[in-house]
Amino acid sequence: MQLHPAHISIHNMKLALIALFSPLLLSALPAATVVYPDLLAWESASFGNVITTERFEGLAVHVITDGENVSTASGVSILGMGAGGLAIVGFSSGDFDSGFINADFEDRTTKLVFMFPSPVSGFGFDYVGANDPGSIWISLATGNEFGTDPNTPINAPKFIGVTSDQPISWFSLATDSFDQDYSIDNLRFTSIPEPATVGFMAFLTGILTLRRTTARRRYQTMVAC
């Protein structure tokens, strides 16, 4: 049995509307976040997305203080929150071979906030130091929180990465340990289209599919006559 062209048109219009509003419905759900302690696993999970790496090079050695915002070459901005000197940017020797950030937090009331130039689906970075469990405490814009594993052996570089089914606009770093010193480098993040853009493109795809289906049905009707 063949469906009437009008029924097909209504069906395709429903698909177009579902595609348009699906990103809005998903944004209201709790974020599902996956943590990766391995770079290759994180890169595999991020396959298909463009990965940008911020190496913190070219920054003058500088102490970030409360309320100060530091811009990087990749567009990531770093905001200091808390009393005293929170971190030093621009180191070029020591824990890493090139520019990196050295943080010396007292507790979770002092932190660095990393704001991405546009929402991302995931990020990760290398770290050295942070020898106690929860030394680096990561909070996401999605509401998720988690701590890093301690370095074993001490000061051996490690990686931590995150992916989320909802866009991440920022993350912050703090510590659960008193006077904890650590360094981070090679901040990697994956760029994704804005949800509104994804929905609009899906809507256009649905409209184009509807037009092609309608034209094909009209042609088949003309041939049948």
N, C-alpha and C. Protein backbone atom coordinates (compact mmCIF):
# COMPACT_ATOMS: atom_id res chain seq x y z
N MET A 1 0.84 -1.19 0.00
CA MET A 1 0.00 0.00 0.00
C MET A 1 0.88 1.25 0.00
N GLN A 2 0.59 2.19 -0.89
CA GLN A 2 1.34 3.43 -0.96
C GLN A 2 0.66 4.51 -0.12
N LEU A 3 1.50 5.30 0.59
CA LEU A 3 0.98 6.39 1.38
C LEU A 3 0.64 7.58 0.50
N HIS A 4 -0.39 8.29 0.89
CA HIS A 4 -0.74 9.51 0.16
C HIS A 4 0.37 10.55 0.35
N PRO A 5 0.68 11.32 -0.70
CA PRO A 5 1.75 12.34 -0.57
C PRO A 5 1.55 13.26 0.61
N ALA A 6 0.29 13.57 0.96
CA ALA A 6 0.04 14.46 2.09
C ALA A 6 0.51 13.84 3.40
N HIS A 7 0.29 12.51 3.53
CA HIS A 7 0.74 11.82 4.73
C HIS A 7 2.25 11.83 4.84
N ILE A 8 2.93 11.65 3.72
CA ILE A 8 4.40 11.67 3.71
C ILE A 8 4.91 13.05 4.10
N SER A 9 4.27 14.10 3.60
CA SER A 9 4.69 15.46 3.91
C SER A 9 4.58 15.73 5.41
N ILE A 10 3.47 15.31 6.02
CA ILE A 10 3.28 15.51 7.46
C ILE A 10 4.35 14.75 8.25
N HIS A 11 4.65 13.52 7.81
CA HIS A 11 5.66 12.71 8.49
C HIS A 11 7.02 13.38 8.44
N ASN A 12 7.40 13.88 7.28
CA ASN A 12 8.71 14.52 7.14
C ASN A 12 8.78 15.83 7.92
N MET A 13 7.67 16.55 7.99
CA MET A 13 7.65 17.78 8.77
C MET A 13 7.85 17.48 10.25
N LYS A 14 7.25 16.37 10.74
CA LYS A 14 7.45 15.97 12.13
C LYS A 14 8.91 15.66 12.41
N LEU A 15 9.57 14.98 11.46
CA LEU A 15 10.99 14.67 11.63
C LEU A 15 11.82 15.93 11.69
N ALA A 16 11.48 16.92 10.86
CA ALA A 16 12.22 18.18 10.85
C ALA A 16 12.07 18.91 12.18
N LEU A 17 10.86 18.91 12.74
CA LEU A 17 10.63 19.58 14.02
C LEU A 17 11.35 18.87 15.15
N ILE A 18 11.37 17.53 15.12
CA ILE A 18 12.09 16.77 16.14
C ILE A 18 13.57 17.09 16.08
N ALA A 19 14.13 17.17 14.87
CA ALA A 19 15.55 17.48 14.72
C ALA A 19 15.86 18.88 15.23
N LEU A 20 14.92 19.81 15.05
CA LEU A 20 15.14 21.19 15.47
C LEU A 20 15.16 21.32 16.98
N PHE A 21 14.24 20.65 17.67
CA PHE A 21 14.09 20.86 19.10
C PHE A 21 14.84 19.83 19.95
N SER A 22 15.42 18.80 19.35
CA SER A 22 16.15 17.80 20.13
C SER A 22 17.29 18.40 20.94
N PRO A 23 18.14 19.30 20.35
CA PRO A 23 19.22 19.88 21.17
C PRO A 23 18.69 20.65 22.38
N LEU A 24 17.53 21.30 22.25
CA LEU A 24 16.96 22.05 23.37
C LEU A 24 16.49 21.12 24.46
N LEU A 25 15.91 19.98 24.08
CA LEU A 25 15.44 19.01 25.07
C LEU A 25 16.61 18.36 25.78
N LEU A 26 17.70 18.04 25.05
CA LEU A 26 18.86 17.41 25.65
C LEU A 26 19.56 18.34 26.64
N SER A 27 19.53 19.65 26.36
CA SER A 27 20.22 20.59 27.23
C SER A 27 19.58 20.67 28.61
N ALA A 28 18.32 20.22 28.74
CA ALA A 28 17.64 20.26 30.04
C ALA A 28 17.94 19.02 30.88
N LEU A 29 18.62 18.02 30.31
CA LEU A 29 18.92 16.79 31.03
C LEU A 29 20.26 16.90 31.73
N PRO A 30 20.49 16.14 32.83
CA PRO A 30 21.79 16.15 33.50
C PRO A 30 22.89 15.70 32.54
N ALA A 31 24.06 16.34 32.65
CA ALA A 31 25.16 16.01 31.75
C ALA A 31 25.76 14.65 32.12
N ALA A 32 26.04 13.84 31.10
CA ALA A 32 26.77 12.59 31.28
C ALA A 32 28.23 12.86 30.96
N THR A 33 29.10 12.78 31.98
CA THR A 33 30.51 13.11 31.83
C THR A 33 31.35 11.86 32.02
N VAL A 34 32.35 11.69 31.14
CA VAL A 34 33.28 10.56 31.23
C VAL A 34 34.68 11.11 31.44
N VAL A 35 35.41 10.55 32.40
CA VAL A 35 36.77 10.98 32.72
C VAL A 35 37.76 9.96 32.19
N TYR A 36 38.82 10.44 31.54
CA TYR A 36 39.83 9.57 30.93
C TYR A 36 41.20 9.87 31.53
N PRO A 37 41.87 8.88 32.13
CA PRO A 37 43.22 9.08 32.64
C PRO A 37 44.29 8.82 31.59
N ASP A 38 43.86 8.58 30.35
CA ASP A 38 44.79 8.23 29.28
C ASP A 38 44.51 9.11 28.07
N LEU A 39 45.57 9.71 27.50
CA LEU A 39 45.42 10.62 26.37
C LEU A 39 44.86 9.93 25.14
N LEU A 40 45.35 8.73 24.81
CA LEU A 40 44.90 8.04 23.61
C LEU A 40 43.41 7.69 23.72
N ALA A 41 42.97 7.29 24.91
CA ALA A 41 41.56 6.97 25.10
C ALA A 41 40.70 8.22 24.91
N TRP A 42 41.17 9.35 25.43
CA TRP A 42 40.42 10.61 25.28
C TRP A 42 40.37 11.03 23.81
N GLU A 43 41.50 10.92 23.10
CA GLU A 43 41.53 11.27 21.68
C GLU A 43 40.60 10.37 20.88
N SER A 44 40.54 9.08 21.23
CA SER A 44 39.65 8.16 20.54
C SER A 44 38.19 8.54 20.78
N ALA A 45 37.86 8.93 22.01
CA ALA A 45 36.49 9.33 22.32
C ALA A 45 36.13 10.65 21.65
N SER A 46 37.14 11.47 21.34
CA SER A 46 36.92 12.77 20.71
C SER A 46 37.05 12.72 19.20
N PHE A 47 37.14 11.50 18.63
CA PHE A 47 37.33 11.35 17.19
C PHE A 47 36.20 12.04 16.41
N GLY A 48 36.60 12.79 15.38
CA GLY A 48 35.62 13.50 14.56
C GLY A 48 35.51 14.97 14.92
N ASN A 49 36.01 15.35 16.10
CA ASN A 49 36.00 16.75 16.52
C ASN A 49 37.38 17.37 16.31
N VAL A 50 37.41 18.66 16.06
CA VAL A 50 38.67 19.37 15.91
C VAL A 50 39.28 19.61 17.29
N ILE A 51 40.53 19.17 17.49
CA ILE A 51 41.21 19.33 18.78
C ILE A 51 42.20 20.49 18.69
N THR A 52 42.04 21.45 19.58
CA THR A 52 42.96 22.58 19.70
C THR A 52 43.80 22.39 20.96
N THR A 53 45.09 22.71 20.87
CA THR A 53 45.98 22.57 22.02
C THR A 53 46.54 23.93 22.42
N GLU A 54 46.32 24.31 23.66
CA GLU A 54 46.91 25.53 24.22
C GLU A 54 48.15 25.12 25.02
N ARG A 55 49.32 25.61 24.59
CA ARG A 55 50.58 25.23 25.22
C ARG A 55 51.10 26.29 26.20
N PHE A 56 50.37 27.37 26.35
CA PHE A 56 50.75 28.44 27.29
C PHE A 56 52.12 29.02 26.98
N GLU A 57 52.48 29.04 25.69
CA GLU A 57 53.75 29.61 25.28
C GLU A 57 53.56 31.09 24.96
N GLY A 58 54.63 31.85 25.05
CA GLY A 58 54.57 33.26 24.72
C GLY A 58 54.02 34.14 25.82
N LEU A 59 53.67 33.56 26.98
CA LEU A 59 53.17 34.34 28.10
C LEU A 59 54.33 34.77 28.99
N ALA A 60 54.38 36.04 29.33
CA ALA A 60 55.41 36.51 30.24
C ALA A 60 55.18 35.91 31.63
N VAL A 61 56.26 35.62 32.34
CA VAL A 61 56.13 35.08 33.69
C VAL A 61 55.35 36.07 34.53
N HIS A 62 54.24 35.62 35.09
CA HIS A 62 53.32 36.55 35.72
C HIS A 62 52.48 35.82 36.76
N VAL A 63 52.26 36.46 37.90
CA VAL A 63 51.43 35.88 38.97
C VAL A 63 49.98 36.33 38.77
N ILE A 64 49.08 35.36 38.64
CA ILE A 64 47.65 35.65 38.52
C ILE A 64 47.08 35.92 39.90
N THR A 65 46.37 37.03 40.06
CA THR A 65 45.78 37.39 41.34
C THR A 65 44.25 37.37 41.24
N ASP A 66 43.59 37.57 42.35
CA ASP A 66 42.14 37.52 42.42
C ASP A 66 41.50 38.52 41.46
N GLY A 67 40.58 38.04 40.62
CA GLY A 67 39.86 38.91 39.69
C GLY A 67 40.59 39.21 38.41
N GLU A 68 41.82 38.74 38.27
CA GLU A 68 42.60 39.02 37.06
C GLU A 68 42.28 37.99 35.97
N ASN A 69 42.24 38.45 34.74
CA ASN A 69 41.94 37.61 33.59
C ASN A 69 43.12 37.62 32.63
N VAL A 70 43.64 36.44 32.32
CA VAL A 70 44.78 36.30 31.41
C VAL A 70 44.31 35.63 30.13
N SER A 71 44.62 36.23 28.98
CA SER A 71 44.23 35.67 27.68
C SER A 71 45.37 34.84 27.09
N THR A 72 45.02 33.80 26.34
CA THR A 72 46.01 32.94 25.70
C THR A 72 45.83 32.98 24.19
N ALA A 73 46.79 32.41 23.48
CA ALA A 73 46.79 32.44 22.02
C ALA A 73 45.61 31.69 21.43
N SER A 74 45.13 30.64 22.11
CA SER A 74 44.03 29.82 21.59
C SER A 74 42.66 30.44 21.83
N GLY A 75 42.62 31.54 22.59
CA GLY A 75 41.34 32.16 22.93
C GLY A 75 40.83 31.78 24.30
N VAL A 76 41.47 30.80 24.95
CA VAL A 76 41.10 30.45 26.32
C VAL A 76 41.54 31.57 27.25
N SER A 77 40.65 31.98 28.15
CA SER A 77 41.00 32.99 29.15
C SER A 77 41.02 32.34 30.53
N ILE A 78 41.92 32.82 31.39
CA ILE A 78 42.12 32.24 32.72
C ILE A 78 41.82 33.31 33.76
N LEU A 79 40.86 33.02 34.63
CA LEU A 79 40.44 33.97 35.65
C LEU A 79 40.87 33.47 37.03
N GLY A 80 41.52 34.35 37.82
CA GLY A 80 41.91 34.00 39.17
C GLY A 80 40.81 34.34 40.15
N MET A 81 40.55 33.44 41.10
CA MET A 81 39.53 33.67 42.13
C MET A 81 40.07 33.24 43.49
N GLY A 82 40.17 34.18 44.42
CA GLY A 82 40.66 33.86 45.74
C GLY A 82 41.75 34.81 46.18
N ALA A 83 42.15 34.70 47.44
CA ALA A 83 43.15 35.61 48.00
C ALA A 83 44.56 35.18 47.64
N GLY A 84 45.44 36.18 47.52
CA GLY A 84 46.85 35.89 47.30
C GLY A 84 47.16 35.52 45.85
N GLY A 85 48.45 35.23 45.60
CA GLY A 85 48.87 34.80 44.27
C GLY A 85 48.41 33.38 44.02
N LEU A 86 47.61 33.18 42.99
CA LEU A 86 47.00 31.87 42.76
C LEU A 86 47.87 30.96 41.91
N ALA A 87 48.53 31.53 40.91
CA ALA A 87 49.31 30.71 39.99
C ALA A 87 50.28 31.60 39.22
N ILE A 88 51.27 30.97 38.65
CA ILE A 88 52.24 31.69 37.82
C ILE A 88 52.16 31.12 36.41
N VAL A 89 51.97 31.98 35.42
CA VAL A 89 51.97 31.56 34.02
C VAL A 89 53.29 31.96 33.40
N GLY A 90 53.65 31.28 32.32
CA GLY A 90 54.83 31.66 31.55
C GLY A 90 56.10 30.96 31.92
N PHE A 91 56.07 29.98 32.87
CA PHE A 91 57.28 29.21 33.14
C PHE A 91 57.75 28.53 31.86
N SER A 92 59.05 28.46 31.65
CA SER A 92 59.58 27.81 30.44
C SER A 92 60.57 26.71 30.75
N SER A 93 60.78 26.41 32.02
CA SER A 93 61.66 25.30 32.39
C SER A 93 61.21 24.75 33.73
N GLY A 94 61.53 23.49 33.97
CA GLY A 94 61.12 22.86 35.22
C GLY A 94 60.26 21.65 34.97
N ASP A 95 58.97 21.72 35.34
CA ASP A 95 58.09 20.56 35.21
C ASP A 95 57.85 20.18 33.75
N PHE A 96 57.79 21.19 32.85
CA PHE A 96 57.59 20.94 31.42
C PHE A 96 58.67 21.68 30.64
N ASP A 97 58.86 21.28 29.37
CA ASP A 97 59.93 21.86 28.56
C ASP A 97 59.59 23.23 28.01
N SER A 98 58.30 23.56 27.94
CA SER A 98 57.90 24.85 27.37
C SER A 98 56.99 25.57 28.37
N GLY A 99 56.30 26.61 27.91
CA GLY A 99 55.45 27.38 28.81
C GLY A 99 54.40 26.52 29.48
N PHE A 100 54.14 26.80 30.76
CA PHE A 100 53.11 26.06 31.49
C PHE A 100 52.62 26.92 32.65
N ILE A 101 51.62 26.41 33.37
CA ILE A 101 51.06 27.11 34.52
C ILE A 101 51.42 26.35 35.79
N ASN A 102 51.96 27.07 36.76
CA ASN A 102 52.27 26.48 38.06
C ASN A 102 51.31 27.04 39.09
N ALA A 103 50.53 26.18 39.73
CA ALA A 103 49.52 26.61 40.70
C ALA A 103 49.95 26.23 42.10
N ASP A 104 49.61 27.07 43.06
CA ASP A 104 49.92 26.82 44.46
C ASP A 104 48.70 27.23 45.29
N PHE A 105 47.72 26.34 45.38
CA PHE A 105 46.47 26.65 46.05
C PHE A 105 46.51 26.27 47.53
N GLU A 106 45.78 27.02 48.34
CA GLU A 106 45.67 26.72 49.76
C GLU A 106 44.52 25.74 50.04
N ASP A 107 43.41 25.91 49.34
CA ASP A 107 42.25 25.05 49.55
C ASP A 107 41.29 25.28 48.38
N ARG A 108 40.03 24.75 48.50
CA ARG A 108 39.08 24.85 47.39
C ARG A 108 38.42 26.22 47.27
N THR A 109 38.76 27.14 48.18
CA THR A 109 38.20 28.49 48.06
C THR A 109 38.98 29.34 47.07
N THR A 110 40.19 28.92 46.71
CA THR A 110 40.97 29.61 45.69
C THR A 110 41.02 28.72 44.45
N LYS A 111 40.87 29.31 43.28
CA LYS A 111 40.79 28.50 42.06
C LYS A 111 41.16 29.31 40.83
N LEU A 112 41.41 28.58 39.76
CA LEU A 112 41.57 29.17 38.44
C LEU A 112 40.40 28.71 37.59
N VAL A 113 39.79 29.63 36.86
CA VAL A 113 38.67 29.31 35.97
C VAL A 113 39.15 29.47 34.54
N PHE A 114 39.04 28.40 33.74
CA PHE A 114 39.44 28.40 32.35
C PHE A 114 38.17 28.51 31.50
N MET A 115 38.06 29.60 30.74
CA MET A 115 36.88 29.85 29.92
C MET A 115 37.23 29.67 28.45
N PHE A 116 36.49 28.80 27.77
CA PHE A 116 36.76 28.50 26.37
C PHE A 116 36.18 29.58 25.46
N PRO A 117 36.80 29.80 24.29
CA PRO A 117 36.27 30.81 23.36
C PRO A 117 34.88 30.45 22.82
N SER A 118 34.56 29.17 22.78
CA SER A 118 33.23 28.68 22.41
C SER A 118 33.04 27.34 23.12
N PRO A 119 31.78 26.90 23.32
CA PRO A 119 31.53 25.66 24.05
C PRO A 119 32.26 24.47 23.42
N VAL A 120 32.72 23.55 24.27
CA VAL A 120 33.46 22.37 23.81
C VAL A 120 32.74 21.11 24.28
N SER A 121 33.07 20.00 23.63
CA SER A 121 32.50 18.72 24.04
C SER A 121 33.44 17.96 24.95
N GLY A 122 34.66 18.45 25.10
CA GLY A 122 35.62 17.79 25.97
C GLY A 122 36.91 18.57 26.07
N PHE A 123 37.71 18.23 27.08
CA PHE A 123 39.02 18.86 27.24
C PHE A 123 39.90 17.94 28.06
N GLY A 124 41.20 18.22 28.06
CA GLY A 124 42.14 17.45 28.85
C GLY A 124 43.45 18.19 28.96
N PHE A 125 44.28 17.79 29.92
CA PHE A 125 45.58 18.45 30.07
C PHE A 125 46.56 17.53 30.78
N ASP A 126 47.86 17.85 30.64
CA ASP A 126 48.91 17.14 31.34
C ASP A 126 49.16 17.84 32.68
N TYR A 127 49.52 17.08 33.71
CA TYR A 127 49.84 17.70 34.99
C TYR A 127 50.99 16.98 35.68
N VAL A 128 51.71 17.74 36.47
CA VAL A 128 52.84 17.24 37.24
C VAL A 128 52.68 17.77 38.66
N GLY A 129 53.08 16.98 39.65
CA GLY A 129 52.87 17.36 41.04
C GLY A 129 51.57 16.75 41.51
N ALA A 130 50.84 17.47 42.35
CA ALA A 130 49.53 16.98 42.81
C ALA A 130 49.65 15.56 43.32
N ASN A 131 50.47 15.37 44.34
CA ASN A 131 50.83 14.02 44.78
C ASN A 131 49.84 13.40 45.75
N ASP A 132 48.78 14.13 46.11
CA ASP A 132 47.76 13.58 47.01
C ASP A 132 46.45 13.38 46.26
N PRO A 133 45.62 12.40 46.67
CA PRO A 133 44.31 12.24 46.04
C PRO A 133 43.49 13.52 46.15
N GLY A 134 42.86 13.92 45.06
CA GLY A 134 42.06 15.14 45.07
C GLY A 134 42.89 16.41 45.07
N SER A 135 44.20 16.28 44.74
CA SER A 135 45.05 17.46 44.72
C SER A 135 44.53 18.49 43.72
N ILE A 136 44.08 18.01 42.58
CA ILE A 136 43.46 18.89 41.59
C ILE A 136 41.98 18.56 41.56
N TRP A 137 41.15 19.51 41.94
CA TRP A 137 39.70 19.31 41.96
C TRP A 137 39.10 20.09 40.80
N ILE A 138 38.43 19.39 39.89
CA ILE A 138 37.92 19.98 38.66
C ILE A 138 36.41 20.13 38.74
N SER A 139 35.92 21.33 38.49
CA SER A 139 34.48 21.60 38.44
C SER A 139 34.13 22.08 37.04
N LEU A 140 33.00 21.61 36.50
CA LEU A 140 32.59 21.95 35.15
C LEU A 140 31.38 22.88 35.17
N ALA A 141 31.20 23.59 34.06
CA ALA A 141 30.02 24.44 33.89
C ALA A 141 28.74 23.61 33.92
N THR A 142 28.84 22.30 33.61
CA THR A 142 27.68 21.41 33.59
C THR A 142 27.26 20.98 34.99
N GLY A 143 28.05 21.34 36.03
CA GLY A 143 27.73 20.97 37.39
C GLY A 143 28.48 19.75 37.89
N ASN A 144 29.24 19.06 37.04
CA ASN A 144 29.99 17.88 37.44
C ASN A 144 31.28 18.28 38.16
N GLU A 145 31.70 17.46 39.11
CA GLU A 145 32.95 17.67 39.84
C GLU A 145 33.68 16.35 40.02
N PHE A 146 35.02 16.37 40.00
CA PHE A 146 35.81 15.18 40.22
C PHE A 146 37.25 15.59 40.50
N GLY A 147 38.01 14.69 41.15
CA GLY A 147 39.40 14.94 41.49
C GLY A 147 40.32 14.06 40.68
N THR A 148 41.58 14.48 40.59
CA THR A 148 42.57 13.72 39.83
C THR A 148 43.18 12.63 40.70
N ASP A 149 43.82 11.65 40.04
CA ASP A 149 44.60 10.65 40.74
C ASP A 149 45.95 11.27 41.13
N PRO A 150 46.55 10.80 42.22
CA PRO A 150 47.88 11.32 42.59
C PRO A 150 48.95 10.83 41.63
N ASN A 151 50.04 11.59 41.52
CA ASN A 151 51.15 11.17 40.67
C ASN A 151 51.91 10.03 41.32
N THR A 152 52.16 8.97 40.54
CA THR A 152 52.98 7.85 40.99
C THR A 152 53.84 7.39 39.80
N PRO A 153 55.17 7.50 39.85
CA PRO A 153 55.95 8.08 40.94
C PRO A 153 55.76 9.59 41.03
N ILE A 154 56.28 10.19 42.09
CA ILE A 154 56.12 11.62 42.32
C ILE A 154 56.67 12.41 41.14
N ASN A 155 55.90 13.39 40.71
CA ASN A 155 56.27 14.32 39.64
C ASN A 155 56.39 13.66 38.27
N ALA A 156 55.81 12.47 38.10
CA ALA A 156 55.74 11.87 36.77
C ALA A 156 54.54 12.48 36.05
N PRO A 157 54.73 13.03 34.84
CA PRO A 157 53.61 13.66 34.12
C PRO A 157 52.44 12.69 33.91
N LYS A 158 51.23 13.17 34.13
CA LYS A 158 50.03 12.39 33.91
C LYS A 158 49.06 13.21 33.09
N PHE A 159 48.03 12.53 32.58
CA PHE A 159 47.00 13.19 31.77
C PHE A 159 45.64 12.93 32.39
N ILE A 160 44.76 13.90 32.28
CA ILE A 160 43.35 13.71 32.62
C ILE A 160 42.51 14.41 31.57
N GLY A 161 41.49 13.72 31.08
CA GLY A 161 40.61 14.26 30.05
C GLY A 161 39.15 14.03 30.39
N VAL A 162 38.29 14.82 29.78
CA VAL A 162 36.85 14.77 30.06
C VAL A 162 36.09 14.90 28.75
N THR A 163 35.01 14.15 28.61
CA THR A 163 34.05 14.36 27.53
C THR A 163 32.66 14.48 28.16
N SER A 164 31.78 15.22 27.49
CA SER A 164 30.43 15.42 28.01
C SER A 164 29.44 15.42 26.87
N ASP A 165 28.19 14.97 27.16
CA ASP A 165 27.16 15.01 26.14
C ASP A 165 26.48 16.38 26.09
N GLN A 166 26.93 17.31 26.94
CA GLN A 166 26.46 18.69 26.89
C GLN A 166 27.65 19.63 26.74
N PRO A 167 27.48 20.75 26.06
CA PRO A 167 28.59 21.68 25.84
C PRO A 167 29.17 22.19 27.16
N ILE A 168 30.49 22.31 27.20
CA ILE A 168 31.21 22.83 28.36
C ILE A 168 31.76 24.20 28.00
N SER A 169 31.39 25.23 28.73
CA SER A 169 31.87 26.58 28.44
C SER A 169 33.06 26.97 29.30
N TRP A 170 33.22 26.33 30.47
CA TRP A 170 34.35 26.61 31.34
C TRP A 170 34.58 25.46 32.31
N PHE A 171 35.76 25.45 32.91
CA PHE A 171 36.03 24.54 34.03
C PHE A 171 36.96 25.27 35.00
N SER A 172 36.97 24.84 36.25
CA SER A 172 37.82 25.47 37.26
C SER A 172 38.68 24.42 37.94
N LEU A 173 39.83 24.86 38.43
CA LEU A 173 40.76 24.01 39.16
C LEU A 173 40.93 24.53 40.57
N ALA A 174 40.83 23.64 41.55
CA ALA A 174 41.07 23.97 42.95
C ALA A 174 41.82 22.78 43.55
N THR A 175 41.85 22.69 44.88
CA THR A 175 42.53 21.57 45.53
C THR A 175 41.83 21.22 46.83
N ASP A 176 41.92 19.93 47.21
CA ASP A 176 41.43 19.47 48.50
C ASP A 176 42.55 19.43 49.54
N SER A 177 43.78 19.67 49.08
CA SER A 177 44.94 19.53 49.96
C SER A 177 45.53 20.89 50.29
N PHE A 178 45.97 21.07 51.53
CA PHE A 178 46.53 22.36 51.95
C PHE A 178 47.86 22.61 51.26
N ASP A 179 48.01 23.81 50.71
CA ASP A 179 49.27 24.27 50.11
C ASP A 179 49.80 23.27 49.09
N GLN A 180 48.95 22.88 48.15
CA GLN A 180 49.32 21.90 47.14
C GLN A 180 49.89 22.60 45.90
N ASP A 181 51.03 22.14 45.46
CA ASP A 181 51.72 22.73 44.32
C ASP A 181 51.68 21.75 43.14
N TYR A 182 51.31 22.26 41.97
CA TYR A 182 51.34 21.42 40.77
C TYR A 182 51.41 22.30 39.54
N SER A 183 51.71 21.68 38.40
CA SER A 183 51.81 22.40 37.13
C SER A 183 50.95 21.69 36.10
N ILE A 184 50.38 22.48 35.17
CA ILE A 184 49.61 21.91 34.06
C ILE A 184 50.11 22.48 32.74
N ASP A 185 49.92 21.71 31.68
CA ASP A 185 50.35 22.15 30.35
C ASP A 185 49.53 21.40 29.31
N ASN A 186 49.65 21.87 28.06
CA ASN A 186 49.01 21.21 26.91
C ASN A 186 47.51 21.01 27.13
N LEU A 187 46.82 22.10 27.33
CA LEU A 187 45.35 22.05 27.47
C LEU A 187 44.74 21.79 26.10
N ARG A 188 44.10 20.64 25.95
CA ARG A 188 43.47 20.25 24.68
C ARG A 188 41.96 20.38 24.83
N PHE A 189 41.30 20.90 23.80
CA PHE A 189 39.84 20.99 23.85
C PHE A 189 39.26 20.80 22.46
N THR A 190 38.04 20.30 22.41
CA THR A 190 37.38 19.96 21.15
C THR A 190 36.27 20.95 20.86
N SER A 191 36.35 21.60 19.72
CA SER A 191 35.34 22.58 19.33
C SER A 191 34.13 21.89 18.74
N ILE A 192 32.94 22.38 19.06
CA ILE A 192 31.69 21.85 18.52
C ILE A 192 30.82 23.01 18.10
N PRO A 193 29.88 22.79 17.16
CA PRO A 193 28.95 23.86 16.78
C PRO A 193 28.03 24.21 17.94
N GLU A 194 27.54 25.43 17.96
CA GLU A 194 26.54 25.84 18.94
C GLU A 194 25.28 24.99 18.77
N PRO A 195 24.57 24.64 19.86
CA PRO A 195 23.35 23.84 19.74
C PRO A 195 22.33 24.44 18.78
N ALA A 196 22.21 25.77 18.79
CA ALA A 196 21.25 26.41 17.90
C ALA A 196 21.62 26.18 16.45
N THR A 197 22.94 26.19 16.17
CA THR A 197 23.39 25.95 14.80
C THR A 197 23.10 24.53 14.37
N VAL A 198 23.35 23.57 15.29
CA VAL A 198 23.06 22.17 14.98
C VAL A 198 21.58 21.98 14.70
N GLY A 199 20.73 22.57 15.52
CA GLY A 199 19.29 22.44 15.33
C GLY A 199 18.83 23.06 14.03
N PHE A 200 19.39 24.23 13.70
CA PHE A 200 19.00 24.91 12.47
C PHE A 200 19.40 24.10 11.24
N MET A 201 20.62 23.53 11.27
CA MET A 201 21.07 22.71 10.15
C MET A 201 20.22 21.46 10.02
N ALA A 202 19.84 20.86 11.16
CA ALA A 202 18.97 19.68 11.11
C ALA A 202 17.61 20.05 10.54
N PHE A 203 17.11 21.23 10.92
CA PHE A 203 15.82 21.68 10.40
C PHE A 203 15.89 21.87 8.89
N LEU A 204 16.98 22.50 8.40
CA LEU A 204 17.15 22.68 6.96
C LEU A 204 17.23 21.35 6.24
N THR A 205 17.93 20.38 6.86
CA THR A 205 18.03 19.06 6.25
C THR A 205 16.65 18.43 6.13
N GLY A 206 15.83 18.58 7.17
CA GLY A 206 14.48 18.04 7.12
C GLY A 206 13.64 18.69 6.04
N ILE A 207 13.76 20.01 5.89
CA ILE A 207 13.01 20.73 4.86
C ILE A 207 13.42 20.28 3.46
N LEU A 208 14.75 20.13 3.25
CA LEU A 208 15.23 19.69 1.94
C LEU A 208 14.75 18.28 1.63
N THR A 209 14.76 17.42 2.66
CA THR A 209 14.26 16.06 2.46
C THR A 209 12.79 16.08 2.10
N LEU A 210 12.03 16.94 2.77
CA LEU A 210 10.61 17.07 2.48
C LEU A 210 10.38 17.52 1.04
N ARG A 211 11.14 18.49 0.58
CA ARG A 211 10.97 18.99 -0.79
C ARG A 211 11.33 17.93 -1.82
N ARG A 212 12.42 17.18 -1.56
CA ARG A 212 12.81 16.13 -2.51
C ARG A 212 11.74 15.04 -2.58
N THR A 213 11.20 14.66 -1.40
CA THR A 213 10.18 13.62 -1.38
C THR A 213 8.91 14.07 -2.09
N THR A 214 8.52 15.32 -1.89
CA THR A 214 7.32 15.85 -2.55
C THR A 214 7.50 15.89 -4.05
N ALA A 215 8.68 16.34 -4.50
CA ALA A 215 8.95 16.41 -5.94
C ALA A 215 8.94 15.02 -6.56
N ARG A 216 9.50 14.03 -5.86
CA ARG A 216 9.54 12.67 -6.38
C ARG A 216 8.13 12.10 -6.50
N ARG A 217 7.28 12.36 -5.51
CA ARG A 217 5.91 11.86 -5.54
C ARG A 217 5.12 12.51 -6.68
N ARG A 218 5.36 13.78 -6.89
CA ARG A 218 4.66 14.46 -8.00
C ARG A 218 5.08 13.88 -9.34
N TYR A 219 6.39 13.59 -9.47
CA TYR A 219 6.87 13.00 -10.72
C TYR A 219 6.25 11.62 -10.94
N GLN A 220 6.18 10.80 -9.86
CA GLN A 220 5.61 9.47 -10.00
C GLN A 220 4.12 9.54 -10.36
N THR A 221 3.42 10.56 -9.81
CA THR A 221 2.00 10.73 -10.12
C THR A 221 1.82 11.10 -11.58
N MET A 222 2.68 12.00 -12.10
CA MET A 222 2.60 12.42 -13.50
C MET A 222 2.88 11.23 -14.42
N VAL A 223 3.88 10.41 -14.07
CA VAL A 223 4.21 9.26 -14.92
C VAL A 223 3.06 8.26 -14.94
N ALA A 224 2.42 8.07 -13.76
CA ALA A 224 1.33 7.13 -13.67
C ALA A 224 0.13 7.56 -14.52
N CYS A 225 -0.03 8.88 -14.65
CA CYS A 225 -1.16 9.38 -15.45
C CYS A 225 -0.87 9.23 -16.93
